[in-house]
Protein backbone atom coordinates (compact mmCIF):
# COMPACT_ATOMS: atom_id res chain seq x y z
CA UNK A 1 -9.33 31.80 -0.59
CA UNK A 2 -8.23 28.16 -1.40
CA UNK A 3 -8.97 25.20 0.96
CA UNK A 4 -6.06 23.38 1.84
CA UNK A 5 -6.28 19.58 0.86
CA UNK A 6 -6.25 17.19 4.08
CA UNK A 7 -4.45 14.15 4.20
CA UNK A 8 -5.69 11.41 6.61
CA UNK A 9 -3.68 8.76 8.11
CA UNK A 10 -4.25 4.78 8.06
CA UNK A 11 -5.37 4.73 11.40
CA UNK A 12 -8.01 7.63 10.93
CA UNK A 13 -9.30 5.87 7.69
CA UNK A 14 -9.51 2.42 9.37
CA UNK A 15 -11.48 4.05 12.38
CA UNK A 16 -14.14 5.78 10.23
CA UNK A 17 -14.38 2.94 7.94
CA UNK A 18 -14.84 0.61 10.98
CA UNK A 19 -17.50 2.75 12.43
CA UNK A 20 -19.34 2.91 9.23
CA UNK A 21 -19.22 -0.77 8.93
CA UNK A 22 -20.56 -1.34 12.34
CA UNK A 23 -23.83 0.80 10.96
CA UNK A 24 -24.50 2.33 14.48
CA UNK A 25 -24.80 5.72 12.89
CA UNK A 26 -25.80 6.70 9.63
CA UNK A 27 -23.14 7.87 7.00
CA UNK A 28 -24.46 11.31 7.23
CA UNK A 29 -24.12 11.33 10.70
CA UNK A 30 -20.39 9.99 10.74
CA UNK A 31 -19.68 12.67 7.98
CA UNK A 32 -20.80 15.50 10.21
CA UNK A 33 -18.85 14.12 13.39
CA UNK A 34 -15.55 13.42 11.20
CA UNK A 35 -16.05 16.58 8.94
CA UNK A 36 -15.72 14.39 6.07
CA UNK A 37 -17.87 13.93 2.73
CA UNK A 38 -20.33 11.12 2.90
CA UNK A 39 -18.86 9.71 -0.50
CA UNK A 40 -15.47 9.62 1.10
CA UNK A 41 -16.85 7.59 4.11
CA UNK A 42 -18.67 5.16 1.72
CA UNK A 43 -15.49 4.48 -0.22
CA UNK A 44 -13.39 3.70 2.68
CA UNK A 45 -16.06 1.39 3.99
CA UNK A 46 -16.14 -0.51 0.64
CA UNK A 47 -12.43 -0.87 0.70
CA UNK A 48 -12.20 -2.14 4.27
CA UNK A 49 -14.84 -4.64 3.69
CA UNK A 50 -13.04 -5.73 0.37
CA UNK A 51 -9.42 -5.65 1.48
CA UNK A 52 -9.34 -5.66 5.14
CA UNK A 53 -7.01 -3.67 7.12
CA UNK A 54 -3.99 -3.63 4.86
CA UNK A 55 -5.82 -1.39 2.39
CA UNK A 56 -4.97 1.70 4.14
CA UNK A 57 -1.21 1.01 4.56
CA UNK A 58 0.89 3.63 2.81
CA UNK A 59 1.43 2.89 -0.93
CA UNK A 60 -0.89 -0.10 -0.79
CA UNK A 61 2.23 -2.15 -0.46
CA UNK A 62 2.07 -5.21 1.80
CA UNK A 63 4.93 -6.68 3.91
CA UNK A 64 4.83 -10.00 2.03
CA UNK A 65 5.38 -7.97 -1.50
CA UNK A 66 8.33 -5.85 0.05
CA UNK A 67 10.03 -8.99 1.37
CA UNK A 68 9.53 -10.74 -2.00
CA UNK A 69 11.09 -7.55 -3.92
CA UNK A 70 14.27 -7.80 -1.72
CA UNK A 71 14.75 -11.56 -2.54
CA UNK A 72 14.21 -10.95 -6.43
CA UNK A 73 16.76 -7.89 -6.23
CA UNK A 74 19.36 -10.26 -4.24
CA UNK A 75 19.12 -12.99 -6.79
CA UNK A 76 19.34 -10.46 -9.77
CA UNK A 77 22.60 -9.37 -7.94
CA UNK A 78 23.91 -12.74 -7.72
CA UNK A 79 23.14 -13.67 -11.29
CA UNK A 80 24.90 -10.34 -12.43
CA UNK A 81 27.89 -11.39 -10.46
CA UNK A 82 27.76 -14.79 -12.08
CA UNK A 83 27.46 -13.47 -15.60
CA UNK A 84 30.37 -11.12 -15.21
CA UNK A 85 32.41 -13.95 -13.75
CA UNK A 86 31.46 -16.42 -16.77
CA UNK A 87 32.08 -13.47 -19.34
CA UNK A 88 35.81 -12.77 -17.78
CA UNK A 89 36.61 -16.48 -17.81
CA UNK A 90 35.42 -17.01 -21.62
CA UNK A 91 37.37 -14.07 -22.54
CA UNK A 92 40.43 -16.16 -21.46
CA UNK A 93 39.48 -19.10 -23.39
CA UNK A 94 38.81 -17.28 -26.40
CA UNK A 95 42.39 -16.03 -26.92
């Protein structure tokens, strides 16, 4: 019988990592409490301490990156429109 892989949400990961960072219980105690492997808890704790709360957001993307991407796509669209307009006007003058 195969074991189904579990996916944990960012809130759960943050909760477990925060408990590990508090160091009120050992990693082994937390592992048995949350039914996780101790290495997983250690990894989440390390990520939390290095990157903060944003580390467990889906796809690892931050809101500022998404905003910057949308601004860049908008600029690309404007530049493409200007290039098409210039090509159209230059075709008229080259005749």
